[in-house]
Amino acid sequence: MNRRVRDKVLRIVGVIMVVLLPVMLALWFAQMRAMSETTGQLQTFAQLALDKTEIVIHEAEETRREAEGYHGAACTPQHQQAMLRKVRTSS
């Protein structure tokens, strides 16, 4: 192998080892960290959304039970006012 060719090969390998390898490793570690953080944040958000959904469902069921307890004629102004009060006070 010619000395010039060997020097070029060593120079290319040196550039790869000194410049490109650390940059590629830094990018890989940054990607792994970003994916880990994003996954954690998405799991936290999903849990909060599920908790809020459960609260809303519970409140809706409670309001429905209260509305079913109304005794009187349906669709009268008194009935409408009673249902409106139940909805407003159910939060």
C-alpha atoms as a PDB file:
ATOM      1  CA  MET A   1       0.000   0.000   0.000  1.00  0.00           C
ATOM      2  CA  ASN A   2       1.318   3.379  -0.968  1.00  0.00           C
ATOM      3  CA  ARG A   3       2.190   5.767   1.867  1.00  0.00           C
ATOM      4  CA  ARG A   4      -0.122   8.516   0.515  1.00  0.00           C
ATOM      5  CA  VAL A   5      -3.042   6.100   0.355  1.00  0.00           C
ATOM      6  CA  ARG A   6      -2.314   4.879   3.874  1.00  0.00           C
ATOM      7  CA  ASP A   7      -2.137   8.459   5.169  1.00  0.00           C
ATOM      8  CA  LYS A   8      -5.472   9.300   3.517  1.00  0.00           C
ATOM      9  CA  VAL A   9      -7.098   6.210   5.019  1.00  0.00           C
ATOM     10  CA  LEU A  10      -5.703   7.044   8.449  1.00  0.00           C
ATOM     11  CA  ARG A  11      -6.852  10.651   8.094  1.00  0.00           C
ATOM     12  CA  ILE A  12     -10.379   9.527   7.174  1.00  0.00           C
ATOM     13  CA  VAL A  13     -10.470   7.048  10.065  1.00  0.00           C
ATOM     14  CA  GLY A  14      -9.119   9.751  12.388  1.00  0.00           C
ATOM     15  CA  VAL A  15     -11.809  12.216  11.326  1.00  0.00           C
ATOM     16  CA  ILE A  16     -14.453   9.577  11.861  1.00  0.00           C
ATOM     17  CA  MET A  17     -13.138   8.651  15.308  1.00  0.00           C
ATOM     18  CA  VAL A  18     -12.463  12.190  16.522  1.00  0.00           C
ATOM     19  CA  VAL A  19     -15.327  14.181  14.987  1.00  0.00           C
ATOM     20  CA  LEU A  20     -18.136  12.042  13.677  1.00  0.00           C
ATOM     21  CA  LEU A  21     -18.298   9.337  16.354  1.00  0.00           C
ATOM     22  CA  PRO A  22     -18.751  11.750  19.301  1.00  0.00           C
ATOM     23  CA  VAL A  23     -21.322  13.756  17.347  1.00  0.00           C
ATOM     24  CA  MET A  24     -23.273  10.631  16.449  1.00  0.00           C
ATOM     25  CA  LEU A  25     -23.145   9.386  20.049  1.00  0.00           C
ATOM     26  CA  ALA A  26     -24.322  12.770  21.353  1.00  0.00           C
ATOM     27  CA  LEU A  27     -27.220  12.766  18.905  1.00  0.00           C
ATOM     28  CA  TRP A  28     -28.152   9.211  19.836  1.00  0.00           C
ATOM     29  CA  PHE A  29     -28.100   9.961  23.580  1.00  0.00           C
ATOM     30  CA  ALA A  30     -30.125  13.141  23.017  1.00  0.00           C
ATOM     31  CA  GLN A  31     -32.719  11.197  21.042  1.00  0.00           C
ATOM     32  CA  MET A  32     -32.950   8.511  23.735  1.00  0.00           C
ATOM     33  CA  ARG A  33     -33.375  11.143  26.453  1.00  0.00           C
ATOM     34  CA  ALA A  34     -36.015  13.044  24.460  1.00  0.00           C
ATOM     35  CA  MET A  35     -37.966   9.858  23.807  1.00  0.00           C
ATOM     36  CA  SER A  36     -37.813   8.904  27.472  1.00  0.00           C
ATOM     37  CA  GLU A  37     -38.980  12.336  28.655  1.00  0.00           C
ATOM     38  CA  THR A  38     -41.736  12.500  26.044  1.00  0.00           C
ATOM     39  CA  THR A  39     -42.983   9.048  26.985  1.00  0.00           C
ATOM     40  CA  GLY A  40     -43.073  10.010  30.657  1.00  0.00           C
ATOM     41  CA  GLN A  41     -44.939  13.236  29.961  1.00  0.00           C
ATOM     42  CA  LEU A  42     -47.444  11.458  27.713  1.00  0.00           C
ATOM     43  CA  GLN A  43     -48.099   8.835  30.380  1.00  0.00           C
ATOM     44  CA  THR A  44     -48.657  11.552  32.990  1.00  0.00           C
ATOM     45  CA  PHE A  45     -51.019  13.422  30.659  1.00  0.00           C
ATOM     46  CA  ALA A  46     -52.929  10.241  29.855  1.00  0.00           C
ATOM     47  CA  GLN A  47     -53.354   9.457  33.546  1.00  0.00           C
ATOM     48  CA  LEU A  48     -54.618  12.982  34.243  1.00  0.00           C
ATOM     49  CA  ALA A  49     -57.054  12.733  31.337  1.00  0.00           C
ATOM     50  CA  LEU A  50     -58.356   9.393  32.618  1.00  0.00           C
ATOM     51  CA  ASP A  51     -58.772  10.779  36.137  1.00  0.00           C
ATOM     52  CA  LYS A  52     -60.685  13.792  34.846  1.00  0.00           C
ATOM     53  CA  THR A  53     -62.862  11.575  32.647  1.00  0.00           C
ATOM     54  CA  GLU A  54     -63.742   9.405  35.633  1.00  0.00           C
ATOM     55  CA  ILE A  55     -64.706  12.504  37.643  1.00  0.00           C
ATOM     56  CA  VAL A  56     -66.908  13.808  34.821  1.00  0.00           C
ATOM     57  CA  ILE A  57     -68.599  10.421  34.391  1.00  0.00           C
ATOM     58  CA  HIS A  58     -69.234  10.187  38.129  1.00  0.00           C
ATOM     59  CA  GLU A  59     -70.734  13.697  38.198  1.00  0.00           C
ATOM     60  CA  ALA A  60     -72.917  12.924  35.168  1.00  0.00           C
ATOM     61  CA  GLU A  61     -74.214   9.722  36.741  1.00  0.00           C
ATOM     62  CA  GLU A  62     -74.925  11.521  40.014  1.00  0.00           C
ATOM     63  CA  THR A  63     -76.791  14.303  38.202  1.00  0.00           C
ATOM     64  CA  ARG A  64     -78.765  11.731  36.205  1.00  0.00           C
ATOM     65  CA  ARG A  65     -79.791   9.941  39.414  1.00  0.00           C
ATOM     66  CA  GLU A  66     -80.885  13.252  40.932  1.00  0.00           C
ATOM     67  CA  ALA A  67     -82.831  14.118  37.764  1.00  0.00           C
ATOM     68  CA  GLU A  68     -84.586  10.755  37.799  1.00  0.00           C
ATOM     69  CA  GLY A  69     -85.802  11.561  41.313  1.00  0.00           C
ATOM     70  CA  TYR A  70     -87.932  14.443  40.045  1.00  0.00           C
ATOM     71  CA  HIS A  71     -91.628  13.909  40.696  1.00  0.00           C
ATOM     72  CA  GLY A  72     -94.001  15.888  38.576  1.00  0.00           C
ATOM     73  CA  ALA A  73     -94.996  16.538  35.008  1.00  0.00           C
ATOM     74  CA  ALA A  74     -92.179  16.518  32.466  1.00  0.00           C
ATOM     75  CA  CYS A  75     -91.360  19.442  30.178  1.00  0.00           C
ATOM     76  CA  THR A  76     -93.175  21.987  32.351  1.00  0.00           C
ATOM     77  CA  PRO A  77     -91.416  25.206  33.340  1.00  0.00           C
ATOM     78  CA  GLN A  78     -91.041  23.824  36.877  1.00  0.00           C
ATOM     79  CA  HIS A  79     -89.444  20.646  35.514  1.00  0.00           C
ATOM     80  CA  GLN A  80     -87.079  22.649  33.331  1.00  0.00           C
ATOM     81  CA  GLN A  81     -86.062  24.857  36.267  1.00  0.00           C
ATOM     82  CA  ALA A  82     -85.473  21.823  38.490  1.00  0.00           C
ATOM     83  CA  MET A  83     -83.280  20.168  35.846  1.00  0.00           C
ATOM     84  CA  LEU A  84     -81.360  23.398  35.271  1.00  0.00           C
ATOM     85  CA  ARG A  85     -80.696  23.743  39.016  1.00  0.00           C
ATOM     86  CA  LYS A  86     -79.417  20.174  39.171  1.00  0.00           C
ATOM     87  CA  VAL A  87     -77.047  20.732  36.259  1.00  0.00           C
ATOM     88  CA  ARG A  88     -75.725  24.007  37.671  1.00  0.00           C
ATOM     89  CA  THR A  89     -75.114  22.597  41.151  1.00  0.00           C
ATOM     90  CA  SER A  90     -73.556  19.316  40.045  1.00  0.00           C
ATOM     91  CA  SER A  91     -69.987  20.619  39.595  1.00  0.00           C
END
